[in-house]
């Protein structure tokens, strides 16, 4: 990329790619932390994390896996494409 454009663009692209990947990994890990765990308390401070975790839990429901909640960490495209499925937190 630095050959096509310049070094700054290449560094920005690399930084954005690494940051995006790390965000994905940390968020996905956080959704699988057992409830009540000490590590969960850190993520409970993040606004909206409970709702994101609920969306991820619903992502793993076998009867909905092929129909809804395809986005693993952020449900932006599920919302835009109409594939977002929601149940209230705590509903079995």
PDB file of N, CA and C in Angstrom:
ATOM      1  N   UNK A   1       0.829  -1.180   0.000  1.00  0.00           N
ATOM      2  CA  UNK A   1       0.000   0.000   0.000  1.00  0.00           C
ATOM      3  C   UNK A   1       0.878   1.250   0.000  1.00  0.00           C
ATOM      4  N   UNK A   2       2.006   1.184   0.685  1.00  0.00           N
ATOM      5  CA  UNK A   2       2.892   2.345   0.685  1.00  0.00           C
ATOM      6  C   UNK A   2       3.476   2.583  -0.708  1.00  0.00           C
ATOM      7  N   UNK A   3       3.602   1.525  -1.508  1.00  0.00           N
ATOM      8  CA  UNK A   3       4.105   1.672  -2.865  1.00  0.00           C
ATOM      9  C   UNK A   3       3.076   2.379  -3.748  1.00  0.00           C
ATOM     10  N   UNK A   4       1.776   2.068  -3.560  1.00  0.00           N
ATOM     11  CA  UNK A   4       0.720   2.684  -4.359  1.00  0.00           C
ATOM     12  C   UNK A   4       0.409   4.113  -3.921  1.00  0.00           C
ATOM     13  N   UNK A   5       0.356   4.350  -2.628  1.00  0.00           N
ATOM     14  CA  UNK A   5      -0.035   5.672  -2.127  1.00  0.00           C
ATOM     15  C   UNK A   5       1.145   6.324  -1.396  1.00  0.00           C
ATOM     16  N   UNK A   6       1.232   6.098  -0.097  1.00  0.00           N
ATOM     17  CA  UNK A   6       2.401   6.553   0.660  1.00  0.00           C
ATOM     18  C   UNK A   6       2.459   5.830   1.996  1.00  0.00           C
ATOM     19  N   UNK A   7       3.542   6.026   2.733  1.00  0.00           N
ATOM     20  CA  UNK A   7       3.740   5.319   3.989  1.00  0.00           C
ATOM     21  C   UNK A   7       2.662   5.639   5.020  1.00  0.00           C
ATOM     22  N   UNK A   8       2.227   6.888   5.075  1.00  0.00           N
ATOM     23  CA  UNK A   8       1.211   7.268   6.062  1.00  0.00           C
ATOM     24  C   UNK A   8      -0.090   6.493   5.863  1.00  0.00           C
ATOM     25  N   UNK A   9      -0.529   6.372   4.635  1.00  0.00           N
ATOM     26  CA  UNK A   9      -1.758   5.623   4.346  1.00  0.00           C
ATOM     27  C   UNK A   9      -1.580   4.158   4.728  1.00  0.00           C
ATOM     28  N   UNK A  10      -0.422   3.602   4.429  1.00  0.00           N
ATOM     29  CA  UNK A  10      -0.157   2.202   4.771  1.00  0.00           C
ATOM     30  C   UNK A  10      -0.170   1.998   6.287  1.00  0.00           C
ATOM     31  N   UNK A  11       0.440   2.901   7.036  1.00  0.00           N
ATOM     32  CA  UNK A  11       0.448   2.790   8.496  1.00  0.00           C
ATOM     33  C   UNK A  11      -0.956   2.966   9.070  1.00  0.00           C
ATOM     34  N   UNK A  12      -1.723   3.901   8.537  1.00  0.00           N
ATOM     35  CA  UNK A  12      -3.099   4.098   9.006  1.00  0.00           C
ATOM     36  C   UNK A  12      -3.958   2.867   8.724  1.00  0.00           C
ATOM     37  N   UNK A  13      -3.785   2.293   7.545  1.00  0.00           N
ATOM     38  CA  UNK A  13      -4.536   1.096   7.197  1.00  0.00           C
ATOM     39  C   UNK A  13      -4.176  -0.055   8.140  1.00  0.00           C
ATOM     40  N   UNK A  14      -2.884  -0.247   8.388  1.00  0.00           N
ATOM     41  CA  UNK A  14      -2.440  -1.321   9.276  1.00  0.00           C
ATOM     42  C   UNK A  14      -2.961  -1.099  10.690  1.00  0.00           C
ATOM     43  N   UNK A  15      -2.895   0.131  11.170  1.00  0.00           N
ATOM     44  CA  UNK A  15      -3.378   0.433  12.520  1.00  0.00           C
ATOM     45  C   UNK A  15      -4.881   0.189  12.628  1.00  0.00           C
ATOM     46  N   UNK A  16      -5.636   0.592  11.612  1.00  0.00           N
ATOM     47  CA  UNK A  16      -7.087   0.393  11.623  1.00  0.00           C
ATOM     48  C   UNK A  16      -7.430  -1.098  11.566  1.00  0.00           C
ATOM     49  N   UNK A  17      -6.715  -1.850  10.741  1.00  0.00           N
ATOM     50  CA  UNK A  17      -6.982  -3.284  10.618  1.00  0.00           C
ATOM     51  C   UNK A  17      -6.683  -4.013  11.929  1.00  0.00           C
ATOM     52  N   UNK A  18      -5.558  -3.705  12.544  1.00  0.00           N
ATOM     53  CA  UNK A  18      -5.190  -4.350  13.806  1.00  0.00           C
ATOM     54  C   UNK A  18      -6.160  -3.949  14.910  1.00  0.00           C
ATOM     55  N   UNK A  19      -6.521  -2.669  14.973  1.00  0.00           N
ATOM     56  CA  UNK A  19      -7.466  -2.198  15.995  1.00  0.00           C
ATOM     57  C   UNK A  19      -8.828  -2.864  15.834  1.00  0.00           C
ATOM     58  N   UNK A  20      -9.309  -2.960  14.611  1.00  0.00           N
ATOM     59  CA  UNK A  20     -10.597  -3.612  14.357  1.00  0.00           C
ATOM     60  C   UNK A  20     -10.588  -5.069  14.759  1.00  0.00           C
ATOM     61  N   UNK A  21      -9.503  -5.754  14.444  1.00  0.00           N
ATOM     62  CA  UNK A  21      -9.398  -7.162  14.808  1.00  0.00           C
ATOM     63  C   UNK A  21      -9.340  -7.334  16.326  1.00  0.00           C
ATOM     64  N   UNK A  22      -8.564  -6.497  17.005  1.00  0.00           N
ATOM     65  CA  UNK A  22      -8.482  -6.577  18.459  1.00  0.00           C
ATOM     66  C   UNK A  22      -9.819  -6.253  19.118  1.00  0.00           C
ATOM     67  N   UNK A  23     -10.541  -5.273  18.572  1.00  0.00           N
ATOM     68  CA  UNK A  23     -11.875  -4.957  19.086  1.00  0.00           C
ATOM     69  C   UNK A  23     -12.794  -6.167  18.968  1.00  0.00           C
ATOM     70  N   UNK A  24     -12.777  -6.801  17.803  1.00  0.00           N
ATOM     71  CA  UNK A  24     -13.601  -7.987  17.576  1.00  0.00           C
ATOM     72  C   UNK A  24     -13.261  -9.078  18.592  1.00  0.00           C
ATOM     73  N   UNK A  25     -11.976  -9.367  18.774  1.00  0.00           N
ATOM     74  CA  UNK A  25     -11.558 -10.442  19.675  1.00  0.00           C
ATOM     75  C   UNK A  25     -11.934 -10.162  21.128  1.00  0.00           C
ATOM     76  N   UNK A  26     -11.691  -8.934  21.584  1.00  0.00           N
ATOM     77  CA  UNK A  26     -11.989  -8.588  22.972  1.00  0.00           C
ATOM     78  C   UNK A  26     -13.492  -8.645  23.227  1.00  0.00           C
ATOM     79  N   UNK A  27     -14.280  -8.102  22.309  1.00  0.00           N
ATOM     80  CA  UNK A  27     -15.734  -8.120  22.496  1.00  0.00           C
ATOM     81  C   UNK A  27     -16.272  -9.546  22.448  1.00  0.00           C
ATOM     82  N   UNK A  28     -15.808 -10.340  21.499  1.00  0.00           N
ATOM     83  CA  UNK A  28     -16.284 -11.720  21.402  1.00  0.00           C
ATOM     84  C   UNK A  28     -15.911 -12.497  22.657  1.00  0.00           C
ATOM     85  N   UNK A  29     -14.705 -12.304  23.148  1.00  0.00           N
ATOM     86  CA  UNK A  29     -14.295 -12.937  24.395  1.00  0.00           C
ATOM     87  C   UNK A  29     -15.206 -12.502  25.543  1.00  0.00           C
ATOM     88  N   UNK A  30     -15.513 -11.215  25.607  1.00  0.00           N
ATOM     89  CA  UNK A  30     -16.311 -10.698  26.722  1.00  0.00           C
ATOM     90  C   UNK A  30     -17.716 -11.287  26.744  1.00  0.00           C
ATOM     91  N   UNK A  31     -18.268 -11.612  25.583  1.00  0.00           N
ATOM     92  CA  UNK A  31     -19.620 -12.171  25.543  1.00  0.00           C
ATOM     93  C   UNK A  31     -19.668 -13.594  26.113  1.00  0.00           C
ATOM     94  N   UNK A  32     -18.520 -14.268  26.144  1.00  0.00           N
ATOM     95  CA  UNK A  32     -18.474 -15.646  26.622  1.00  0.00           C
ATOM     96  C   UNK A  32     -18.005 -15.772  28.071  1.00  0.00           C
ATOM     97  N   UNK A  33     -17.763 -14.655  28.746  1.00  0.00           N
ATOM     98  CA  UNK A  33     -17.385 -14.692  30.155  1.00  0.00           C
ATOM     99  C   UNK A  33     -18.604 -15.154  30.961  1.00  0.00           C
ATOM    100  N   UNK A  34     -18.425 -16.098  31.868  1.00  0.00           N
ATOM    101  CA  UNK A  34     -19.558 -16.552  32.676  1.00  0.00           C
ATOM    102  C   UNK A  34     -20.148 -15.408  33.511  1.00  0.00           C
ATOM    103  N   UNK A  35     -21.452 -15.399  33.647  1.00  0.00           N
ATOM    104  CA  UNK A  35     -22.114 -14.386  34.470  1.00  0.00           C
ATOM    105  C   UNK A  35     -21.632 -14.478  35.903  1.00  0.00           C
ATOM    106  N   UNK A  36     -21.380 -13.328  36.507  1.00  0.00           N
ATOM    107  CA  UNK A  36     -20.917 -13.274  37.874  1.00  0.00           C
ATOM    108  C   UNK A  36     -19.412 -13.324  38.022  1.00  0.00           C
ATOM    109  N   UNK A  37     -18.688 -13.560  36.947  1.00  0.00           N
ATOM    110  CA  UNK A  37     -17.231 -13.617  36.983  1.00  0.00           C
ATOM    111  C   UNK A  37     -16.652 -12.225  37.250  1.00  0.00           C
ATOM    112  N   UNK A  38     -15.466 -12.178  37.883  1.00  0.00           N
ATOM    113  CA  UNK A  38     -14.834 -10.888  38.170  1.00  0.00           C
ATOM    114  C   UNK A  38     -14.552 -10.103  36.892  1.00  0.00           C
ATOM    115  N   UNK A  39     -14.161 -10.787  35.833  1.00  0.00           N
ATOM    116  CA  UNK A  39     -13.859 -10.108  34.569  1.00  0.00           C
ATOM    117  C   UNK A  39     -15.103  -9.457  33.975  1.00  0.00           C
ATOM    118  N   UNK A  40     -16.267 -10.035  34.233  1.00  0.00           N
ATOM    119  CA  UNK A  40     -17.511  -9.476  33.710  1.00  0.00           C
ATOM    120  C   UNK A  40     -17.760  -8.068  34.248  1.00  0.00           C
ATOM    121  N   UNK A  41     -17.335  -7.808  35.468  1.00  0.00           N
ATOM    122  CA  UNK A  41     -17.570  -6.501  36.083  1.00  0.00           C
ATOM    123  C   UNK A  41     -16.925  -5.372  35.290  1.00  0.00           C
ATOM    124  N   UNK A  42     -15.788  -5.627  34.667  1.00  0.00           N
ATOM    125  CA  UNK A  42     -15.131  -4.610  33.830  1.00  0.00           C
ATOM    126  C   UNK A  42     -15.997  -4.265  32.622  1.00  0.00           C
ATOM    127  N   UNK A  43     -16.552  -5.274  31.994  1.00  0.00           N
ATOM    128  CA  UNK A  43     -17.345  -5.039  30.794  1.00  0.00           C
ATOM    129  C   UNK A  43     -18.715  -4.460  31.106  1.00  0.00           C
ATOM    130  N   UNK A  44     -19.219  -4.681  32.306  1.00  0.00           N
ATOM    131  CA  UNK A  44     -20.506  -4.097  32.690  1.00  0.00           C
ATOM    132  C   UNK A  44     -20.444  -2.579  32.739  1.00  0.00           C
ATOM    133  N   UNK A  45     -19.242  -2.021  32.807  1.00  0.00           N
ATOM    134  CA  UNK A  45     -19.067  -0.567  32.798  1.00  0.00           C
ATOM    135  C   UNK A  45     -19.237   0.032  31.400  1.00  0.00           C
ATOM    136  N   UNK A  46     -19.169  -0.801  30.375  1.00  0.00           N
ATOM    137  CA  UNK A  46     -19.308  -0.339  28.986  1.00  0.00           C
ATOM    138  C   UNK A  46     -20.796  -0.151  28.673  1.00  0.00           C
ATOM    139  N   UNK A  47     -21.198   1.064  28.292  1.00  0.00           N
ATOM    140  CA  UNK A  47     -22.616   1.300  27.991  1.00  0.00           C
ATOM    141  C   UNK A  47     -23.110   0.398  26.852  1.00  0.00           C
ATOM    142  N   UNK A  48     -24.227  -0.271  27.077  1.00  0.00           N
ATOM    143  CA  UNK A  48     -24.832  -1.117  26.053  1.00  0.00           C
ATOM    144  C   UNK A  48     -24.253  -2.516  25.954  1.00  0.00           C
ATOM    145  N   UNK A  49     -23.270  -2.828  26.804  1.00  0.00           N
ATOM    146  CA  UNK A  49     -22.630  -4.145  26.700  1.00  0.00           C
ATOM    147  C   UNK A  49     -23.609  -5.282  26.982  1.00  0.00           C
ATOM    148  N   UNK A  50     -24.497  -5.114  27.944  1.00  0.00           N
ATOM    149  CA  UNK A  50     -25.471  -6.183  28.254  1.00  0.00           C
ATOM    150  C   UNK A  50     -26.337  -6.510  27.042  1.00  0.00           C
ATOM    151  N   UNK A  51     -26.766  -5.475  26.309  1.00  0.00           N
ATOM    152  CA  UNK A  51     -27.591  -5.701  25.128  1.00  0.00           C
ATOM    153  C   UNK A  51     -26.784  -6.381  24.017  1.00  0.00           C
ATOM    154  N   UNK A  52     -25.528  -5.973  23.863  1.00  0.00           N
ATOM    155  CA  UNK A  52     -24.676  -6.615  22.858  1.00  0.00           C
ATOM    156  C   UNK A  52     -24.439  -8.081  23.220  1.00  0.00           C
ATOM    157  N   UNK A  53     -24.238  -8.346  24.505  1.00  0.00           N
ATOM    158  CA  UNK A  53     -24.046  -9.729  24.942  1.00  0.00           C
ATOM    159  C   UNK A  53     -25.305 -10.549  24.683  1.00  0.00           C
ATOM    160  N   UNK A  54     -26.461  -9.961  24.948  1.00  0.00           N
ATOM    161  CA  UNK A  54     -27.723 -10.672  24.693  1.00  0.00           C
ATOM    162  C   UNK A  54     -27.866 -10.988  23.210  1.00  0.00           C
ATOM    163  N   UNK A  55     -27.509 -10.063  22.353  1.00  0.00           N
ATOM    164  CA  UNK A  55     -27.566 -10.311  20.908  1.00  0.00           C
ATOM    165  C   UNK A  55     -26.650 -11.467  20.540  1.00  0.00           C
ATOM    166  N   UNK A  56     -25.479 -11.517  21.159  1.00  0.00           N
ATOM    167  CA  UNK A  56     -24.541 -12.608  20.871  1.00  0.00           C
ATOM    168  C   UNK A  56     -25.062 -13.941  21.395  1.00  0.00           C
ATOM    169  N   UNK A  57     -25.689 -13.930  22.563  1.00  0.00           N
ATOM    170  CA  UNK A  57     -26.282 -15.159  23.098  1.00  0.00           C
ATOM    171  C   UNK A  57     -27.358 -15.671  22.140  1.00  0.00           C
ATOM    172  N   UNK A  58     -28.154 -14.758  21.619  1.00  0.00           N
ATOM    173  CA  UNK A  58     -29.190 -15.146  20.661  1.00  0.00           C
ATOM    174  C   UNK A  58     -28.577 -15.634  19.344  1.00  0.00           C
ATOM    175  N   UNK A  59     -27.391 -15.144  19.021  1.00  0.00           N
ATOM    176  CA  UNK A  59     -26.660 -15.589  17.830  1.00  0.00           C
ATOM    177  C   UNK A  59     -26.380 -17.093  17.910  1.00  0.00           C
ATOM    178  N   UNK A  60     -26.215 -17.620  19.121  1.00  0.00           N
ATOM    179  CA  UNK A  60     -25.887 -19.036  19.306  1.00  0.00           C
ATOM    180  C   UNK A  60     -27.114 -19.941  19.427  1.00  0.00           C
ATOM    181  N   UNK A  61     -28.324 -19.403  19.389  1.00  0.00           N
ATOM    182  CA  UNK A  61     -29.528 -20.250  19.457  1.00  0.00           C
ATOM    183  C   UNK A  61     -29.657 -21.036  18.152  1.00  0.00           C
ATOM    184  N   UNK A  62     -29.659 -22.341  18.278  1.00  0.00           N
ATOM    185  CA  UNK A  62     -29.644 -23.204  17.086  1.00  0.00           C
ATOM    186  C   UNK A  62     -30.809 -22.955  16.125  1.00  0.00           C
ATOM    187  N   UNK A  63     -32.005 -22.732  16.655  1.00  0.00           N
ATOM    188  CA  UNK A  63     -33.163 -22.570  15.782  1.00  0.00           C
ATOM    189  C   UNK A  63     -33.153 -21.233  15.045  1.00  0.00           C
ATOM    190  N   UNK A  64     -32.293 -20.293  15.443  1.00  0.00           N
ATOM    191  CA  UNK A  64     -32.222 -18.991  14.778  1.00  0.00           C
ATOM    192  C   UNK A  64     -30.905 -18.774  14.027  1.00  0.00           C
ATOM    193  N   UNK A  65     -29.944 -19.686  14.202  1.00  0.00           N
ATOM    194  CA  UNK A  65     -28.599 -19.490  13.654  1.00  0.00           C
ATOM    195  C   UNK A  65     -28.552 -19.233  12.154  1.00  0.00           C
ATOM    196  N   UNK A  66     -29.404 -19.855  11.402  1.00  0.00           N
ATOM    197  CA  UNK A  66     -29.361 -19.686   9.951  1.00  0.00           C
ATOM    198  C   UNK A  66     -30.275 -18.576   9.455  1.00  0.00           C
ATOM    199  N   UNK A  67     -30.973 -17.907  10.383  1.00  0.00           N
ATOM    200  CA  UNK A  67     -31.937 -16.885   9.981  1.00  0.00           C
ATOM    201  C   UNK A  67     -31.598 -15.487  10.479  1.00  0.00           C
ATOM    202  N   UNK A  68     -30.907 -15.392  11.611  1.00  0.00           N
ATOM    203  CA  UNK A  68     -30.767 -14.085  12.250  1.00  0.00           C
ATOM    204  C   UNK A  68     -29.460 -13.963  13.027  1.00  0.00           C
ATOM    205  N   UNK A  69     -29.144 -12.713  13.380  1.00  0.00           N
ATOM    206  CA  UNK A  69     -27.986 -12.371  14.204  1.00  0.00           C
ATOM    207  C   UNK A  69     -26.681 -12.955  13.670  1.00  0.00           C
ATOM    208  N   UNK A  70     -26.359 -12.594  12.450  1.00  0.00           N
ATOM    209  CA  UNK A  70     -25.139 -13.080  11.808  1.00  0.00           C
ATOM    210  C   UNK A  70     -23.911 -12.318  12.280  1.00  0.00           C
ATOM    211  N   UNK A  71     -24.073 -11.067  12.661  1.00  0.00           N
ATOM    212  CA  UNK A  71     -22.942 -10.287  13.148  1.00  0.00           C
ATOM    213  C   UNK A  71     -22.582 -10.742  14.544  1.00  0.00           C
ATOM    214  N   UNK A  72     -21.315 -11.030  14.759  1.00  0.00           N
ATOM    215  CA  UNK A  72     -20.891 -11.640  16.010  1.00  0.00           C
ATOM    216  C   UNK A  72     -20.675 -10.621  17.120  1.00  0.00           C
ATOM    217  N   UNK A  73     -20.127  -9.449  16.792  1.00  0.00           N
ATOM    218  CA  UNK A  73     -19.825  -8.490  17.854  1.00  0.00           C
ATOM    219  C   UNK A  73     -20.750  -7.286  17.867  1.00  0.00           C
ATOM    220  N   UNK A  74     -21.007  -6.701  16.729  1.00  0.00           N
ATOM    221  CA  UNK A  74     -21.897  -5.533  16.644  1.00  0.00           C
ATOM    222  C   UNK A  74     -23.020  -5.831  15.650  1.00  0.00           C
ATOM    223  N   UNK A  75     -24.272  -5.636  16.039  1.00  0.00           N
ATOM    224  CA  UNK A  75     -25.397  -6.001  15.172  1.00  0.00           C
ATOM    225  C   UNK A  75     -25.795  -4.925  14.161  1.00  0.00           C
ATOM    226  N   UNK A  76     -24.858  -4.103  13.717  1.00  0.00           N
ATOM    227  CA  UNK A  76     -25.173  -2.995  12.818  1.00  0.00           C
ATOM    228  C   UNK A  76     -25.785  -3.502  11.514  1.00  0.00           C
ATOM    229  N   UNK A  77     -25.118  -4.455  10.867  1.00  0.00           N
ATOM    230  CA  UNK A  77     -25.632  -4.926   9.584  1.00  0.00           C
ATOM    231  C   UNK A  77     -26.847  -5.823   9.742  1.00  0.00           C
ATOM    232  N   UNK A  78     -26.973  -6.507  10.854  1.00  0.00           N
ATOM    233  CA  UNK A  78     -28.218  -7.242  11.116  1.00  0.00           C
ATOM    234  C   UNK A  78     -29.388  -6.270  11.169  1.00  0.00           C
ATOM    235  N   UNK A  79     -29.180  -5.144  11.811  1.00  0.00           N
ATOM    236  CA  UNK A  79     -30.224  -4.116  11.878  1.00  0.00           C
ATOM    237  C   UNK A  79     -30.533  -3.569  10.482  1.00  0.00           C
ATOM    238  N   UNK A  80     -29.500  -3.218   9.729  1.00  0.00           N
ATOM    239  CA  UNK A  80     -29.694  -2.629   8.400  1.00  0.00           C
ATOM    240  C   UNK A  80     -30.323  -3.601   7.412  1.00  0.00           C
ATOM    241  N   UNK A  81     -29.985  -4.881   7.518  1.00  0.00           N
ATOM    242  CA  UNK A  81     -30.485  -5.874   6.562  1.00  0.00           C
ATOM    243  C   UNK A  81     -31.733  -6.616   7.048  1.00  0.00           C
ATOM    244  N   UNK A  82     -32.217  -6.253   8.233  1.00  0.00           N
ATOM    245  CA  UNK A  82     -33.455  -6.849   8.733  1.00  0.00           C
ATOM    246  C   UNK A  82     -33.307  -8.251   9.287  1.00  0.00           C
ATOM    247  N   UNK A  83     -32.096  -8.655   9.687  1.00  0.00           N
ATOM    248  CA  UNK A  83     -31.898  -9.996  10.237  1.00  0.00           C
ATOM    249  C   UNK A  83     -31.673  -9.975  11.747  1.00  0.00           C
ATOM    250  N   UNK A  84     -31.950  -8.855  12.379  1.00  0.00           N
ATOM    251  CA  UNK A  84     -31.762  -8.741  13.829  1.00  0.00           C
ATOM    252  C   UNK A  84     -32.929  -9.409  14.550  1.00  0.00           C
ATOM    253  N   UNK A  85     -32.603 -10.313  15.449  1.00  0.00           N
ATOM    254  CA  UNK A  85     -33.595 -11.001  16.274  1.00  0.00           C
ATOM    255  C   UNK A  85     -33.321 -10.618  17.717  1.00  0.00           C
ATOM    256  N   UNK A  86     -34.360 -10.287  18.475  1.00  0.00           N
ATOM    257  CA  UNK A  86     -34.189  -9.835  19.847  1.00  0.00           C
ATOM    258  C   UNK A  86     -35.170 -10.507  20.770  1.00  0.00           C
ATOM    259  N   UNK A  87     -34.701 -10.900  21.921  1.00  0.00           N
ATOM    260  CA  UNK A  87     -35.532 -11.349  23.044  1.00  0.00           C
ATOM    261  C   UNK A  87     -35.060 -10.563  24.260  1.00  0.00           C
ATOM    262  N   UNK A  88     -35.954 -10.237  25.179  1.00  0.00           N
ATOM    263  CA  UNK A  88     -35.521  -9.538  26.386  1.00  0.00           C
ATOM    264  C   UNK A  88     -34.475 -10.334  27.159  1.00  0.00           C
ATOM    265  N   UNK A  89     -33.608  -9.637  27.849  1.00  0.00           N
ATOM    266  CA  UNK A  89     -32.559 -10.286  28.628  1.00  0.00           C
ATOM    267  C   UNK A  89     -33.199 -11.126  29.722  1.00  0.00           C
ATOM    268  N   UNK A  90     -32.729 -12.362  29.856  1.00  0.00           N
ATOM    269  CA  UNK A  90     -33.243 -13.262  30.881  1.00  0.00           C
ATOM    270  C   UNK A  90     -34.332 -14.195  30.406  1.00  0.00           C
ATOM    271  N   UNK A  91     -34.900 -13.948  29.216  1.00  0.00           N
ATOM    272  CA  UNK A  91     -35.947 -14.834  28.686  1.00  0.00           C
ATOM    273  C   UNK A  91     -35.302 -16.120  28.187  1.00  0.00           C
ATOM    274  N   UNK A  92     -35.887 -17.248  28.510  1.00  0.00           N
ATOM    275  CA  UNK A  92     -35.331 -18.554  28.101  1.00  0.00           C
ATOM    276  C   UNK A  92     -35.901 -18.995  26.782  1.00  0.00           C
TER     277      UNK A  92
END
